[in-house]
């Protein structure tokens, strides 16, 4: 049974098309450009955030396209992770060079790449498995 002609929910991306979008995005994430920092020309990455790649002139799509495609095609998870890891590295690298202000880089890394200021500690300890310890004092 074919989908109705007015069906706006039909999948418009094939696996091959989705893979092509990821590969194009990964190539775009490698793009470098010149920045002027304190009067010096410094080479840095053009993209630091997945939304920048998605909405670039080359792809001209929406920010969450990559999340959508990795969920539609789980076999593309490695490409999604590769893209995210590259953009995370771009952001960190360019913040060290002064291309991205520290506050902006920190906000990007926390919001989009799960960076935190401190380690989370699970305080839920199961005390039923803890055995009492006794000490014998010697004279």
C-alpha atoms as a PDB file:
ATOM      1  CA  UNK A   1       0.000   0.000   0.000  1.00  0.00           C
ATOM      2  CA  UNK A   2       1.497   3.342  -1.064  1.00  0.00           C
ATOM      3  CA  UNK A   3       1.548   6.376   1.207  1.00  0.00           C
ATOM      4  CA  UNK A   4      -1.129   8.984   0.495  1.00  0.00           C
ATOM      5  CA  UNK A   5      -0.074  11.783  -1.863  1.00  0.00           C
ATOM      6  CA  UNK A   6      -0.554  14.408   0.842  1.00  0.00           C
ATOM      7  CA  UNK A   7       1.535  12.465   3.382  1.00  0.00           C
ATOM      8  CA  UNK A   8       4.043  14.945   4.804  1.00  0.00           C
ATOM      9  CA  UNK A   9       5.465  12.362   7.236  1.00  0.00           C
ATOM     10  CA  UNK A  10       7.038  10.124   4.613  1.00  0.00           C
ATOM     11  CA  UNK A  11      10.777   9.538   4.971  1.00  0.00           C
ATOM     12  CA  UNK A  12      12.486  11.791   2.462  1.00  0.00           C
ATOM     13  CA  UNK A  13      16.056  10.661   3.210  1.00  0.00           C
ATOM     14  CA  UNK A  14      17.439   7.361   2.021  1.00  0.00           C
ATOM     15  CA  UNK A  15      20.327   5.721   3.843  1.00  0.00           C
ATOM     16  CA  UNK A  16      22.668   6.716   1.009  1.00  0.00           C
ATOM     17  CA  UNK A  17      21.412  10.304   1.021  1.00  0.00           C
ATOM     18  CA  UNK A  18      21.786  10.501   4.815  1.00  0.00           C
ATOM     19  CA  UNK A  19      25.317   9.096   4.640  1.00  0.00           C
ATOM     20  CA  UNK A  20      26.190  11.666   1.954  1.00  0.00           C
ATOM     21  CA  UNK A  21      24.934  14.473   4.209  1.00  0.00           C
ATOM     22  CA  UNK A  22      27.098  13.232   7.080  1.00  0.00           C
ATOM     23  CA  UNK A  23      30.174  12.879   4.868  1.00  0.00           C
ATOM     24  CA  UNK A  24      29.677  16.398   3.470  1.00  0.00           C
ATOM     25  CA  UNK A  25      29.284  17.735   7.026  1.00  0.00           C
ATOM     26  CA  UNK A  26      32.465  15.977   8.178  1.00  0.00           C
ATOM     27  CA  UNK A  27      34.371  17.489   5.254  1.00  0.00           C
ATOM     28  CA  UNK A  28      32.951  20.927   6.073  1.00  0.00           C
ATOM     29  CA  UNK A  29      34.052  20.512   9.699  1.00  0.00           C
ATOM     30  CA  UNK A  30      37.652  20.280   8.468  1.00  0.00           C
ATOM     31  CA  UNK A  31      37.415  23.673   6.707  1.00  0.00           C
ATOM     32  CA  UNK A  32      39.926  26.212   7.960  1.00  0.00           C
ATOM     33  CA  UNK A  33      39.838  29.960   7.570  1.00  0.00           C
ATOM     34  CA  UNK A  34      41.990  32.937   8.511  1.00  0.00           C
ATOM     35  CA  UNK A  35      41.203  34.941  11.639  1.00  0.00           C
ATOM     36  CA  UNK A  36      42.826  38.190  12.737  1.00  0.00           C
ATOM     37  CA  UNK A  37      43.659  37.993  16.446  1.00  0.00           C
ATOM     38  CA  UNK A  38      45.562  40.871  18.058  1.00  0.00           C
ATOM     39  CA  UNK A  39      46.692  42.021  14.621  1.00  0.00           C
ATOM     40  CA  UNK A  40      48.028  38.583  13.637  1.00  0.00           C
ATOM     41  CA  UNK A  41      46.562  36.262  11.043  1.00  0.00           C
ATOM     42  CA  UNK A  42      45.815  32.875  12.609  1.00  0.00           C
ATOM     43  CA  UNK A  43      44.489  29.784  10.860  1.00  0.00           C
ATOM     44  CA  UNK A  44      41.489  28.257  12.614  1.00  0.00           C
ATOM     45  CA  UNK A  45      38.455  26.127  11.966  1.00  0.00           C
ATOM     46  CA  UNK A  46      35.374  27.623  10.378  1.00  0.00           C
ATOM     47  CA  UNK A  47      32.917  25.420  12.280  1.00  0.00           C
ATOM     48  CA  UNK A  48      32.676  24.704  16.026  1.00  0.00           C
ATOM     49  CA  UNK A  49      29.022  23.785  16.494  1.00  0.00           C
ATOM     50  CA  UNK A  50      26.873  21.251  14.637  1.00  0.00           C
ATOM     51  CA  UNK A  51      24.237  23.919  13.940  1.00  0.00           C
ATOM     52  CA  UNK A  52      26.781  25.996  12.025  1.00  0.00           C
ATOM     53  CA  UNK A  53      27.477  23.071   9.715  1.00  0.00           C
ATOM     54  CA  UNK A  54      23.798  22.221   9.243  1.00  0.00           C
ATOM     55  CA  UNK A  55      22.804  25.765   8.365  1.00  0.00           C
ATOM     56  CA  UNK A  56      25.857  26.461   6.216  1.00  0.00           C
ATOM     57  CA  UNK A  57      25.345  27.503   2.600  1.00  0.00           C
ATOM     58  CA  UNK A  58      26.589  24.095   1.480  1.00  0.00           C
ATOM     59  CA  UNK A  59      24.019  22.061   3.452  1.00  0.00           C
ATOM     60  CA  UNK A  60      21.293  24.661   4.087  1.00  0.00           C
ATOM     61  CA  UNK A  61      19.244  22.460   6.416  1.00  0.00           C
ATOM     62  CA  UNK A  62      18.111  22.566  10.048  1.00  0.00           C
ATOM     63  CA  UNK A  63      20.222  22.111  13.174  1.00  0.00           C
ATOM     64  CA  UNK A  64      18.731  18.797  14.323  1.00  0.00           C
ATOM     65  CA  UNK A  65      19.051  17.032  10.950  1.00  0.00           C
ATOM     66  CA  UNK A  66      21.991  14.961  12.198  1.00  0.00           C
ATOM     67  CA  UNK A  67      20.130  13.755  15.318  1.00  0.00           C
ATOM     68  CA  UNK A  68      17.145  12.879  13.147  1.00  0.00           C
ATOM     69  CA  UNK A  69      19.254  10.945  10.639  1.00  0.00           C
ATOM     70  CA  UNK A  70      21.181   8.967  13.265  1.00  0.00           C
ATOM     71  CA  UNK A  71      17.878   7.940  14.847  1.00  0.00           C
ATOM     72  CA  UNK A  72      16.353   7.042  11.468  1.00  0.00           C
ATOM     73  CA  UNK A  73      19.486   5.087  10.500  1.00  0.00           C
ATOM     74  CA  UNK A  74      21.308   3.765  13.602  1.00  0.00           C
ATOM     75  CA  UNK A  75      24.119   2.491  11.371  1.00  0.00           C
ATOM     76  CA  UNK A  76      25.132   6.161  10.941  1.00  0.00           C
ATOM     77  CA  UNK A  77      25.896   6.615  14.651  1.00  0.00           C
ATOM     78  CA  UNK A  78      29.657   6.404  13.990  1.00  0.00           C
ATOM     79  CA  UNK A  79      29.439   9.240  11.448  1.00  0.00           C
ATOM     80  CA  UNK A  80      27.390  11.314  13.892  1.00  0.00           C
ATOM     81  CA  UNK A  81      29.970  10.746  16.639  1.00  0.00           C
ATOM     82  CA  UNK A  82      32.827  11.543  14.253  1.00  0.00           C
ATOM     83  CA  UNK A  83      31.182  14.846  13.302  1.00  0.00           C
ATOM     84  CA  UNK A  84      30.474  15.794  16.923  1.00  0.00           C
ATOM     85  CA  UNK A  85      34.012  14.845  18.037  1.00  0.00           C
ATOM     86  CA  UNK A  86      35.601  16.860  15.262  1.00  0.00           C
ATOM     87  CA  UNK A  87      33.537  19.954  16.080  1.00  0.00           C
ATOM     88  CA  UNK A  88      34.310  19.572  19.783  1.00  0.00           C
ATOM     89  CA  UNK A  89      38.038  19.400  18.989  1.00  0.00           C
ATOM     90  CA  UNK A  90      37.707  22.421  16.672  1.00  0.00           C
ATOM     91  CA  UNK A  91      36.130  24.455  19.462  1.00  0.00           C
ATOM     92  CA  UNK A  92      38.738  23.479  22.039  1.00  0.00           C
ATOM     93  CA  UNK A  93      41.631  24.033  19.625  1.00  0.00           C
ATOM     94  CA  UNK A  94      40.439  27.446  18.498  1.00  0.00           C
ATOM     95  CA  UNK A  95      39.730  28.581  22.056  1.00  0.00           C
ATOM     96  CA  UNK A  96      43.384  27.877  22.935  1.00  0.00           C
ATOM     97  CA  UNK A  97      44.444  30.097  20.019  1.00  0.00           C
ATOM     98  CA  UNK A  98      42.163  32.938  21.121  1.00  0.00           C
ATOM     99  CA  UNK A  99      39.940  32.596  18.059  1.00  0.00           C
ATOM    100  CA  UNK A 100      36.953  31.815  20.275  1.00  0.00           C
ATOM    101  CA  UNK A 101      36.560  33.698  23.532  1.00  0.00           C
ATOM    102  CA  UNK A 102      36.919  31.408  26.536  1.00  0.00           C
ATOM    103  CA  UNK A 103      33.393  32.071  27.810  1.00  0.00           C
ATOM    104  CA  UNK A 104      31.907  31.248  24.412  1.00  0.00           C
ATOM    105  CA  UNK A 105      33.965  28.075  24.112  1.00  0.00           C
ATOM    106  CA  UNK A 106      33.006  26.971  27.631  1.00  0.00           C
ATOM    107  CA  UNK A 107      29.322  27.595  26.905  1.00  0.00           C
ATOM    108  CA  UNK A 108      29.553  25.644  23.627  1.00  0.00           C
ATOM    109  CA  UNK A 109      31.442  22.731  25.174  1.00  0.00           C
ATOM    110  CA  UNK A 110      29.048  22.482  28.135  1.00  0.00           C
ATOM    111  CA  UNK A 111      25.871  22.892  26.090  1.00  0.00           C
ATOM    112  CA  UNK A 112      26.733  20.721  23.114  1.00  0.00           C
ATOM    113  CA  UNK A 113      29.478  18.320  24.178  1.00  0.00           C
ATOM    114  CA  UNK A 114      28.556  17.433  27.798  1.00  0.00           C
ATOM    115  CA  UNK A 115      31.540  19.096  29.429  1.00  0.00           C
ATOM    116  CA  UNK A 116      31.171  19.881  33.141  1.00  0.00           C
ATOM    117  CA  UNK A 117      33.070  21.857  35.739  1.00  0.00           C
ATOM    118  CA  UNK A 118      33.230  19.084  38.264  1.00  0.00           C
ATOM    119  CA  UNK A 119      32.862  15.387  38.515  1.00  0.00           C
ATOM    120  CA  UNK A 120      29.399  14.121  39.464  1.00  0.00           C
ATOM    121  CA  UNK A 121      29.430  11.742  42.431  1.00  0.00           C
ATOM    122  CA  UNK A 122      26.585   9.328  43.006  1.00  0.00           C
ATOM    123  CA  UNK A 123      25.564   9.769  46.645  1.00  0.00           C
ATOM    124  CA  UNK A 124      23.095   6.893  46.551  1.00  0.00           C
ATOM    125  CA  UNK A 125      25.030   4.250  48.443  1.00  0.00           C
ATOM    126  CA  UNK A 126      23.394   0.954  49.207  1.00  0.00           C
ATOM    127  CA  UNK A 127      24.099   0.600  52.933  1.00  0.00           C
ATOM    128  CA  UNK A 128      22.649  -2.900  53.082  1.00  0.00           C
ATOM    129  CA  UNK A 129      25.865  -4.310  51.619  1.00  0.00           C
ATOM    130  CA  UNK A 130      28.206  -2.388  53.897  1.00  0.00           C
ATOM    131  CA  UNK A 131      29.582  -4.508  56.685  1.00  0.00           C
ATOM    132  CA  UNK A 132      30.571  -2.928  59.982  1.00  0.00           C
ATOM    133  CA  UNK A 133      34.245  -2.580  60.661  1.00  0.00           C
ATOM    134  CA  UNK A 134      35.605  -3.187  64.140  1.00  0.00           C
ATOM    135  CA  UNK A 135      38.967  -2.081  65.367  1.00  0.00           C
ATOM    136  CA  UNK A 136      40.951  -3.799  68.099  1.00  0.00           C
ATOM    137  CA  UNK A 137      43.133  -1.434  70.035  1.00  0.00           C
ATOM    138  CA  UNK A 138      46.322  -2.805  71.446  1.00  0.00           C
ATOM    139  CA  UNK A 139      48.070  -1.534  74.564  1.00  0.00           C
END
